């Protein structure tokens, strides 16, 4: 697995798809406890269906990338990723004007990156966070209990170099009292001018449809919403056919 350097950290990444297609490059940004492997075959399927090349990478503190060194991330960790680490990674890999496909925290990072004025051809935001809801925080409290009392830690350990640091590097900052005011609706969404496809399940325990409705009402570019029945927090796993079809149509339209 190759590695690049972004914001001073060693970042693991992989490619899939046709590099000679002349089509836009897709960049996949995983969820708060995600990694390259946890995307499963979704990036490869999107790349095959669209004819695009795709970059998948483990953010700092996740997967096979450099293990989290700090005792605790700051409440701006998604901003830091979107405004510093992601631009450096794209520059080091000579990627310009990509289509960002993000899930959960990764979707928020994609929206911040686009809203900060970076060149982005389009954003697919699956289960994005644009502000904090009590539902989400309650679910993270439950996740922390499960990490300590079930085989959750063992399962995470299949994908991450240090499952405990990965988990608490995510959970501790989300449960920080200062994180309740985290909100990108005013500072970033109005400056998202590229097309957006936002996808969420009605059974998502980390956010309500208010996330999608707020996103659609504030971005400047065209915005398509896909609200899925019988779907929780991971549309690409729980409703893979509908999600793949929607993403394929969206990318083709770009």
C-alpha atoms as a PDB file:
ATOM      1  CA  UNK A   1       0.000   0.000   0.000  1.00  0.00           C
ATOM      2  CA  UNK A   2       1.484   3.393  -0.970  1.00  0.00           C
ATOM      3  CA  UNK A   3       1.770   6.310   1.444  1.00  0.00           C
ATOM      4  CA  UNK A   4       1.752  10.074   0.993  1.00  0.00           C
ATOM      5  CA  UNK A   5       2.402  12.935   3.399  1.00  0.00           C
ATOM      6  CA  UNK A   6      -0.354  15.405   4.294  1.00  0.00           C
ATOM      7  CA  UNK A   7      -0.213  17.953   7.110  1.00  0.00           C
ATOM      8  CA  UNK A   8       2.981  16.265   8.274  1.00  0.00           C
ATOM      9  CA  UNK A   9       1.385  12.817   8.657  1.00  0.00           C
ATOM     10  CA  UNK A  10       1.853   9.548   6.771  1.00  0.00           C
ATOM     11  CA  UNK A  11      -1.338   8.733   4.876  1.00  0.00           C
ATOM     12  CA  UNK A  12      -2.186   5.361   3.316  1.00  0.00           C
ATOM     13  CA  UNK A  13      -4.038   5.408   0.007  1.00  0.00           C
ATOM     14  CA  UNK A  14      -5.155   3.249  -2.895  1.00  0.00           C
ATOM     15  CA  UNK A  15      -6.291   3.755  -6.477  1.00  0.00           C
ATOM     16  CA  UNK A  16      -9.003   1.987  -8.396  1.00  0.00           C
ATOM     17  CA  UNK A  17     -10.384   2.567 -11.883  1.00  0.00           C
ATOM     18  CA  UNK A  18      -9.009   3.739 -15.219  1.00  0.00           C
ATOM     19  CA  UNK A  19      -6.331   6.421 -15.006  1.00  0.00           C
ATOM     20  CA  UNK A  20      -6.463   7.075 -18.764  1.00  0.00           C
ATOM     21  CA  UNK A  21     -10.183   7.787 -19.054  1.00  0.00           C
ATOM     22  CA  UNK A  22      -9.858  11.564 -19.145  1.00  0.00           C
ATOM     23  CA  UNK A  23     -12.807  11.774 -16.757  1.00  0.00           C
ATOM     24  CA  UNK A  24     -12.799  13.470 -13.346  1.00  0.00           C
ATOM     25  CA  UNK A  25     -11.097  11.757 -10.448  1.00  0.00           C
ATOM     26  CA  UNK A  26     -13.267  10.600  -7.561  1.00  0.00           C
ATOM     27  CA  UNK A  27     -11.941  11.026  -4.020  1.00  0.00           C
ATOM     28  CA  UNK A  28     -13.571   8.968  -1.263  1.00  0.00           C
ATOM     29  CA  UNK A  29     -13.628  10.369   2.290  1.00  0.00           C
ATOM     30  CA  UNK A  30     -14.609   7.799   4.914  1.00  0.00           C
ATOM     31  CA  UNK A  31     -16.781   8.127   8.017  1.00  0.00           C
ATOM     32  CA  UNK A  32     -15.684   8.920  11.581  1.00  0.00           C
ATOM     33  CA  UNK A  33     -14.633   5.346  12.328  1.00  0.00           C
ATOM     34  CA  UNK A  34     -14.030   4.343   8.708  1.00  0.00           C
ATOM     35  CA  UNK A  35     -11.092   3.365   6.540  1.00  0.00           C
ATOM     36  CA  UNK A  36     -10.221   2.226   3.032  1.00  0.00           C
ATOM     37  CA  UNK A  37     -11.302  -1.337   3.782  1.00  0.00           C
ATOM     38  CA  UNK A  38     -14.630  -0.339   5.321  1.00  0.00           C
ATOM     39  CA  UNK A  39     -15.783   1.135   2.026  1.00  0.00           C
ATOM     40  CA  UNK A  40     -15.748  -2.510   0.849  1.00  0.00           C
ATOM     41  CA  UNK A  41     -16.227  -2.687  -2.933  1.00  0.00           C
ATOM     42  CA  UNK A  42     -18.241   0.524  -3.274  1.00  0.00           C
ATOM     43  CA  UNK A  43     -15.424   2.725  -4.680  1.00  0.00           C
ATOM     44  CA  UNK A  44     -14.503   0.053  -7.248  1.00  0.00           C
ATOM     45  CA  UNK A  45     -18.133  -0.267  -8.311  1.00  0.00           C
ATOM     46  CA  UNK A  46     -18.523   3.507  -8.679  1.00  0.00           C
ATOM     47  CA  UNK A  47     -15.283   3.715 -10.647  1.00  0.00           C
ATOM     48  CA  UNK A  48     -16.401   0.904 -12.962  1.00  0.00           C
ATOM     49  CA  UNK A  49     -19.878   2.360 -13.461  1.00  0.00           C
ATOM     50  CA  UNK A  50     -18.630   5.881 -14.189  1.00  0.00           C
ATOM     51  CA  UNK A  51     -15.381   5.100 -15.998  1.00  0.00           C
ATOM     52  CA  UNK A  52     -13.541   7.350 -13.536  1.00  0.00           C
ATOM     53  CA  UNK A  53     -10.397   6.760 -11.539  1.00  0.00           C
ATOM     54  CA  UNK A  54     -10.920   6.800  -7.767  1.00  0.00           C
ATOM     55  CA  UNK A  55      -8.664   7.615  -4.827  1.00  0.00           C
ATOM     56  CA  UNK A  56      -9.465   6.016  -1.467  1.00  0.00           C
ATOM     57  CA  UNK A  57      -7.410   6.923   1.594  1.00  0.00           C
ATOM     58  CA  UNK A  58      -7.203   6.506   5.367  1.00  0.00           C
ATOM     59  CA  UNK A  59      -7.241   9.827   7.169  1.00  0.00           C
ATOM     60  CA  UNK A  60      -4.707  10.501   9.920  1.00  0.00           C
ATOM     61  CA  UNK A  61      -5.482   8.294  12.913  1.00  0.00           C
ATOM     62  CA  UNK A  62      -7.417   5.738  10.875  1.00  0.00           C
ATOM     63  CA  UNK A  63      -6.801   2.480   9.042  1.00  0.00           C
ATOM     64  CA  UNK A  64      -3.170   2.016   8.080  1.00  0.00           C
ATOM     65  CA  UNK A  65      -2.277   5.704   8.211  1.00  0.00           C
ATOM     66  CA  UNK A  66      -0.201   7.190  11.009  1.00  0.00           C
ATOM     67  CA  UNK A  67      -1.653   6.439  14.453  1.00  0.00           C
ATOM     68  CA  UNK A  68      -3.154   9.377  16.334  1.00  0.00           C
ATOM     69  CA  UNK A  69      -0.433  10.985  18.452  1.00  0.00           C
ATOM     70  CA  UNK A  70      -2.454  13.642  20.283  1.00  0.00           C
ATOM     71  CA  UNK A  71      -4.195  12.863  23.553  1.00  0.00           C
ATOM     72  CA  UNK A  72      -7.304  14.445  22.053  1.00  0.00           C
ATOM     73  CA  UNK A  73      -8.284  16.001  18.737  1.00  0.00           C
ATOM     74  CA  UNK A  74      -9.574  19.574  18.677  1.00  0.00           C
ATOM     75  CA  UNK A  75     -13.208  20.388  17.932  1.00  0.00           C
ATOM     76  CA  UNK A  76     -11.996  21.729  14.570  1.00  0.00           C
ATOM     77  CA  UNK A  77     -10.589  18.395  13.466  1.00  0.00           C
ATOM     78  CA  UNK A  78     -12.885  18.205  10.435  1.00  0.00           C
ATOM     79  CA  UNK A  79     -11.975  21.767   9.479  1.00  0.00           C
ATOM     80  CA  UNK A  80      -8.273  20.905   9.816  1.00  0.00           C
ATOM     81  CA  UNK A  81      -8.754  17.914   7.531  1.00  0.00           C
ATOM     82  CA  UNK A  82     -10.736  19.877   4.944  1.00  0.00           C
ATOM     83  CA  UNK A  83      -8.606  23.023   4.918  1.00  0.00           C
ATOM     84  CA  UNK A  84      -5.084  21.630   5.404  1.00  0.00           C
ATOM     85  CA  UNK A  85      -4.654  17.861   5.107  1.00  0.00           C
ATOM     86  CA  UNK A  86      -6.920  17.244   2.099  1.00  0.00           C
ATOM     87  CA  UNK A  87      -5.478  20.097  -0.017  1.00  0.00           C
ATOM     88  CA  UNK A  88      -1.945  18.864   0.709  1.00  0.00           C
ATOM     89  CA  UNK A  89      -2.861  15.288  -0.166  1.00  0.00           C
ATOM     90  CA  UNK A  90      -4.477  16.317  -3.457  1.00  0.00           C
ATOM     91  CA  UNK A  91      -1.478  18.482  -4.317  1.00  0.00           C
ATOM     92  CA  UNK A  92       1.014  15.714  -3.541  1.00  0.00           C
ATOM     93  CA  UNK A  93      -0.903  13.298  -5.784  1.00  0.00           C
ATOM     94  CA  UNK A  94      -1.360  15.970  -8.500  1.00  0.00           C
ATOM     95  CA  UNK A  95      -5.147  15.876  -8.356  1.00  0.00           C
ATOM     96  CA  UNK A  96      -7.177  18.873  -9.479  1.00  0.00           C
ATOM     97  CA  UNK A  97     -10.904  19.592  -9.454  1.00  0.00           C
ATOM     98  CA  UNK A  98     -12.007  16.192  -8.108  1.00  0.00           C
ATOM     99  CA  UNK A  99     -15.446  14.847  -7.309  1.00  0.00           C
ATOM    100  CA  UNK A 100     -15.550  14.320  -3.541  1.00  0.00           C
ATOM    101  CA  UNK A 101     -17.588  11.383  -2.255  1.00  0.00           C
ATOM    102  CA  UNK A 102     -17.875  11.564   1.517  1.00  0.00           C
ATOM    103  CA  UNK A 103     -19.678   9.582   4.197  1.00  0.00           C
ATOM    104  CA  UNK A 104     -20.644  11.063   7.586  1.00  0.00           C
ATOM    105  CA  UNK A 105     -17.587  12.993   8.878  1.00  0.00           C
ATOM    106  CA  UNK A 106     -16.109  12.555   5.415  1.00  0.00           C
ATOM    107  CA  UNK A 107     -19.164  14.226   3.872  1.00  0.00           C
ATOM    108  CA  UNK A 108     -18.787  17.177   6.237  1.00  0.00           C
ATOM    109  CA  UNK A 109     -15.102  17.445   5.329  1.00  0.00           C
ATOM    110  CA  UNK A 110     -16.011  17.469   1.632  1.00  0.00           C
ATOM    111  CA  UNK A 111     -18.548  20.259   2.154  1.00  0.00           C
ATOM    112  CA  UNK A 112     -16.109  22.373   4.197  1.00  0.00           C
ATOM    113  CA  UNK A 113     -13.423  21.884   1.536  1.00  0.00           C
ATOM    114  CA  UNK A 114     -15.774  22.934  -1.265  1.00  0.00           C
ATOM    115  CA  UNK A 115     -17.213  25.782   0.798  1.00  0.00           C
ATOM    116  CA  UNK A 116     -13.743  27.161   1.468  1.00  0.00           C
ATOM    117  CA  UNK A 117     -13.314  27.834  -2.248  1.00  0.00           C
ATOM    118  CA  UNK A 118     -11.208  24.874  -3.323  1.00  0.00           C
ATOM    119  CA  UNK A 119     -11.798  23.629  -6.857  1.00  0.00           C
ATOM    120  CA  UNK A 120     -14.305  20.796  -6.635  1.00  0.00           C
ATOM    121  CA  UNK A 121     -16.339  19.477  -9.556  1.00  0.00           C
ATOM    122  CA  UNK A 122     -19.065  17.991  -7.361  1.00  0.00           C
ATOM    123  CA  UNK A 123     -19.796  16.613  -3.897  1.00  0.00           C
ATOM    124  CA  UNK A 124     -21.629  13.442  -2.935  1.00  0.00           C
ATOM    125  CA  UNK A 125     -22.535  13.803   0.746  1.00  0.00           C
ATOM    126  CA  UNK A 126     -23.817  10.628   2.380  1.00  0.00           C
ATOM    127  CA  UNK A 127     -25.242  11.097   5.895  1.00  0.00           C
ATOM    128  CA  UNK A 128     -23.531  14.491   6.270  1.00  0.00           C
ATOM    129  CA  UNK A 129     -23.294  16.479   9.498  1.00  0.00           C
ATOM    130  CA  UNK A 130     -23.923  20.193   8.968  1.00  0.00           C
ATOM    131  CA  UNK A 131     -24.867  20.911  12.590  1.00  0.00           C
ATOM    132  CA  UNK A 132     -25.051  18.877  15.807  1.00  0.00           C
ATOM    133  CA  UNK A 133     -28.241  17.111  16.881  1.00  0.00           C
ATOM    134  CA  UNK A 134     -28.876  15.497  20.308  1.00  0.00           C
ATOM    135  CA  UNK A 135     -29.760  12.259  18.493  1.00  0.00           C
ATOM    136  CA  UNK A 136     -26.204  12.029  17.201  1.00  0.00           C
ATOM    137  CA  UNK A 137     -24.557  12.660  20.565  1.00  0.00           C
ATOM    138  CA  UNK A 138     -26.791  10.121  22.282  1.00  0.00           C
ATOM    139  CA  UNK A 139     -25.797   7.514  19.696  1.00  0.00           C
ATOM    140  CA  UNK A 140     -22.111   8.211  20.310  1.00  0.00           C
ATOM    141  CA  UNK A 141     -22.597   7.676  24.049  1.00  0.00           C
ATOM    142  CA  UNK A 142     -24.138   4.299  23.223  1.00  0.00           C
ATOM    143  CA  UNK A 143     -21.270   3.510  20.848  1.00  0.00           C
ATOM    144  CA  UNK A 144     -18.761   4.228  23.635  1.00  0.00           C
ATOM    145  CA  UNK A 145     -20.592   1.824  25.931  1.00  0.00           C
ATOM    146  CA  UNK A 146     -20.557  -0.826  23.212  1.00  0.00           C
ATOM    147  CA  UNK A 147     -16.841  -0.302  22.616  1.00  0.00           C
ATOM    148  CA  UNK A 148     -16.138  -1.266  26.217  1.00  0.00           C
ATOM    149  CA  UNK A 149     -18.698  -4.054  26.666  1.00  0.00           C
ATOM    150  CA  UNK A 150     -19.022  -5.879  23.322  1.00  0.00           C
ATOM    151  CA  UNK A 151     -16.777  -7.126  20.496  1.00  0.00           C
ATOM    152  CA  UNK A 152     -16.925  -3.680  18.860  1.00  0.00           C
ATOM    153  CA  UNK A 153     -13.262  -2.994  19.686  1.00  0.00           C
ATOM    154  CA  UNK A 154     -12.211  -6.317  18.176  1.00  0.00           C
ATOM    155  CA  UNK A 155     -14.136  -5.573  14.986  1.00  0.00           C
ATOM    156  CA  UNK A 156     -12.546  -2.130  14.652  1.00  0.00           C
ATOM    157  CA  UNK A 157      -9.158  -3.739  15.176  1.00  0.00           C
ATOM    158  CA  UNK A 158      -9.531  -5.580  11.882  1.00  0.00           C
ATOM    159  CA  UNK A 159      -9.264  -2.271  10.047  1.00  0.00           C
ATOM    160  CA  UNK A 160      -7.246   0.123  12.221  1.00  0.00           C
ATOM    161  CA  UNK A 161      -3.686  -0.016  13.534  1.00  0.00           C
ATOM    162  CA  UNK A 162      -4.827   1.088  17.011  1.00  0.00           C
ATOM    163  CA  UNK A 163      -8.571   0.598  17.465  1.00  0.00           C
ATOM    164  CA  UNK A 164      -8.708   2.254  20.896  1.00  0.00           C
ATOM    165  CA  UNK A 165      -6.950   5.422  19.759  1.00  0.00           C
ATOM    166  CA  UNK A 166      -9.077   5.520  16.616  1.00  0.00           C
ATOM    167  CA  UNK A 167     -12.313   5.123  18.546  1.00  0.00           C
ATOM    168  CA  UNK A 168     -11.631   7.612  21.319  1.00  0.00           C
ATOM    169  CA  UNK A 169      -9.951  10.025  18.924  1.00  0.00           C
ATOM    170  CA  UNK A 170     -13.404  10.242  17.365  1.00  0.00           C
ATOM    171  CA  UNK A 171     -15.765   9.794  20.332  1.00  0.00           C
ATOM    172  CA  UNK A 172     -13.993  12.082  22.811  1.00  0.00           C
ATOM    173  CA  UNK A 173     -14.147  15.121  20.540  1.00  0.00           C
ATOM    174  CA  UNK A 174     -17.760  14.514  19.520  1.00  0.00           C
ATOM    175  CA  UNK A 175     -18.724  14.324  23.211  1.00  0.00           C
ATOM    176  CA  UNK A 176     -16.733  17.431  24.162  1.00  0.00           C
ATOM    177  CA  UNK A 177     -19.083  20.100  25.560  1.00  0.00           C
ATOM    178  CA  UNK A 178     -17.677  22.645  23.093  1.00  0.00           C
ATOM    179  CA  UNK A 179     -18.595  20.448  20.142  1.00  0.00           C
ATOM    180  CA  UNK A 180     -22.334  21.020  20.641  1.00  0.00           C
ATOM    181  CA  UNK A 181     -21.979  24.377  18.865  1.00  0.00           C
ATOM    182  CA  UNK A 182     -20.169  22.883  15.828  1.00  0.00           C
ATOM    183  CA  UNK A 183     -22.017  24.165  12.750  1.00  0.00           C
ATOM    184  CA  UNK A 184     -21.042  24.717   9.099  1.00  0.00           C
ATOM    185  CA  UNK A 185     -24.386  26.059   7.846  1.00  0.00           C
ATOM    186  CA  UNK A 186     -23.443  29.744   7.777  1.00  0.00           C
ATOM    187  CA  UNK A 187     -19.696  29.708   7.250  1.00  0.00           C
ATOM    188  CA  UNK A 188     -19.339  27.097   4.502  1.00  0.00           C
ATOM    189  CA  UNK A 189     -22.572  25.866   2.926  1.00  0.00           C
ATOM    190  CA  UNK A 190     -23.462  29.196   1.242  1.00  0.00           C
ATOM    191  CA  UNK A 191     -20.113  29.071  -0.572  1.00  0.00           C
ATOM    192  CA  UNK A 192     -20.611  25.554  -1.978  1.00  0.00           C
ATOM    193  CA  UNK A 193     -21.204  26.392  -5.641  1.00  0.00           C
ATOM    194  CA  UNK A 194     -20.592  22.998  -7.244  1.00  0.00           C
ATOM    195  CA  UNK A 195     -23.384  20.433  -7.728  1.00  0.00           C
ATOM    196  CA  UNK A 196     -24.220  18.371  -4.638  1.00  0.00           C
ATOM    197  CA  UNK A 197     -25.910  15.007  -4.230  1.00  0.00           C
ATOM    198  CA  UNK A 198     -26.936  14.425  -0.605  1.00  0.00           C
ATOM    199  CA  UNK A 199     -28.072  10.967   0.533  1.00  0.00           C
ATOM    200  CA  UNK A 200     -29.456   9.872   3.887  1.00  0.00           C
ATOM    201  CA  UNK A 201     -31.502   7.054   5.383  1.00  0.00           C
ATOM    202  CA  UNK A 202     -34.640   7.673   7.397  1.00  0.00           C
ATOM    203  CA  UNK A 203     -33.342   5.274  10.075  1.00  0.00           C
ATOM    204  CA  UNK A 204     -30.005   7.071  10.564  1.00  0.00           C
ATOM    205  CA  UNK A 205     -29.222   7.155  14.305  1.00  0.00           C
ATOM    206  CA  UNK A 206     -26.637   9.922  13.825  1.00  0.00           C
ATOM    207  CA  UNK A 207     -28.849  12.515  12.154  1.00  0.00           C
ATOM    208  CA  UNK A 208     -32.343  13.426  10.997  1.00  0.00           C
ATOM    209  CA  UNK A 209     -33.471  14.655   7.596  1.00  0.00           C
ATOM    210  CA  UNK A 210     -32.981  18.176   8.939  1.00  0.00           C
ATOM    211  CA  UNK A 211     -29.325  17.718   7.935  1.00  0.00           C
ATOM    212  CA  UNK A 212     -30.250  17.283   4.261  1.00  0.00           C
ATOM    213  CA  UNK A 213     -32.938  19.951   4.311  1.00  0.00           C
ATOM    214  CA  UNK A 214     -30.568  22.513   5.848  1.00  0.00           C
ATOM    215  CA  UNK A 215     -27.874  21.602   3.335  1.00  0.00           C
ATOM    216  CA  UNK A 216     -30.230  21.957   0.359  1.00  0.00           C
ATOM    217  CA  UNK A 217     -31.558  25.312   1.553  1.00  0.00           C
ATOM    218  CA  UNK A 218     -28.113  26.884   1.916  1.00  0.00           C
ATOM    219  CA  UNK A 219     -25.765  25.688  -0.841  1.00  0.00           C
ATOM    220  CA  UNK A 220     -25.499  27.898  -3.929  1.00  0.00           C
ATOM    221  CA  UNK A 221     -25.057  25.158  -6.509  1.00  0.00           C
ATOM    222  CA  UNK A 222     -27.674  22.648  -7.710  1.00  0.00           C
ATOM    223  CA  UNK A 223     -28.545  20.155  -4.985  1.00  0.00           C
ATOM    224  CA  UNK A 224     -30.261  16.795  -5.346  1.00  0.00           C
ATOM    225  CA  UNK A 225     -31.575  14.933  -2.294  1.00  0.00           C
ATOM    226  CA  UNK A 226     -32.025  11.176  -1.998  1.00  0.00           C
ATOM    227  CA  UNK A 227     -33.902  10.122   1.142  1.00  0.00           C
ATOM    228  CA  UNK A 228     -33.889   6.357   1.578  1.00  0.00           C
ATOM    229  CA  UNK A 229     -36.412   4.124   3.314  1.00  0.00           C
ATOM    230  CA  UNK A 230     -35.119   1.110   5.267  1.00  0.00           C
ATOM    231  CA  UNK A 231     -31.702   2.699   5.534  1.00  0.00           C
ATOM    232  CA  UNK A 232     -29.574   3.771   8.468  1.00  0.00           C
ATOM    233  CA  UNK A 233     -26.269   5.636   8.606  1.00  0.00           C
ATOM    234  CA  UNK A 234     -24.483   3.863   5.735  1.00  0.00           C
ATOM    235  CA  UNK A 235     -26.450   4.120   2.464  1.00  0.00           C
ATOM    236  CA  UNK A 236     -23.673   2.515   0.417  1.00  0.00           C
ATOM    237  CA  UNK A 237     -23.900  -0.629   2.573  1.00  0.00           C
ATOM    238  CA  UNK A 238     -27.597  -0.701   3.442  1.00  0.00           C
ATOM    239  CA  UNK A 239     -29.087   0.402   0.117  1.00  0.00           C
ATOM    240  CA  UNK A 240     -26.170  -0.278  -2.235  1.00  0.00           C
ATOM    241  CA  UNK A 241     -28.094  -0.508  -5.512  1.00  0.00           C
ATOM    242  CA  UNK A 242     -30.016   2.744  -5.057  1.00  0.00           C
ATOM    243  CA  UNK A 243     -26.932   4.531  -3.803  1.00  0.00           C
ATOM    244  CA  UNK A 244     -24.715   3.296  -6.636  1.00  0.00           C
ATOM    245  CA  UNK A 245     -27.319   4.230  -9.246  1.00  0.00           C
ATOM    246  CA  UNK A 246     -27.741   7.734  -7.824  1.00  0.00           C
ATOM    247  CA  UNK A 247     -23.998   8.377  -7.564  1.00  0.00           C
ATOM    248  CA  UNK A 248     -23.433   7.060 -11.092  1.00  0.00           C
ATOM    249  CA  UNK A 249     -26.123   9.358 -12.527  1.00  0.00           C
ATOM    250  CA  UNK A 250     -24.749  12.320 -10.589  1.00  0.00           C
ATOM    251  CA  UNK A 251     -21.168  11.819 -11.754  1.00  0.00           C
ATOM    252  CA  UNK A 252     -22.301  11.261 -15.356  1.00  0.00           C
ATOM    253  CA  UNK A 253     -24.145  14.572 -15.200  1.00  0.00           C
ATOM    254  CA  UNK A 254     -20.966  16.411 -14.277  1.00  0.00           C
END
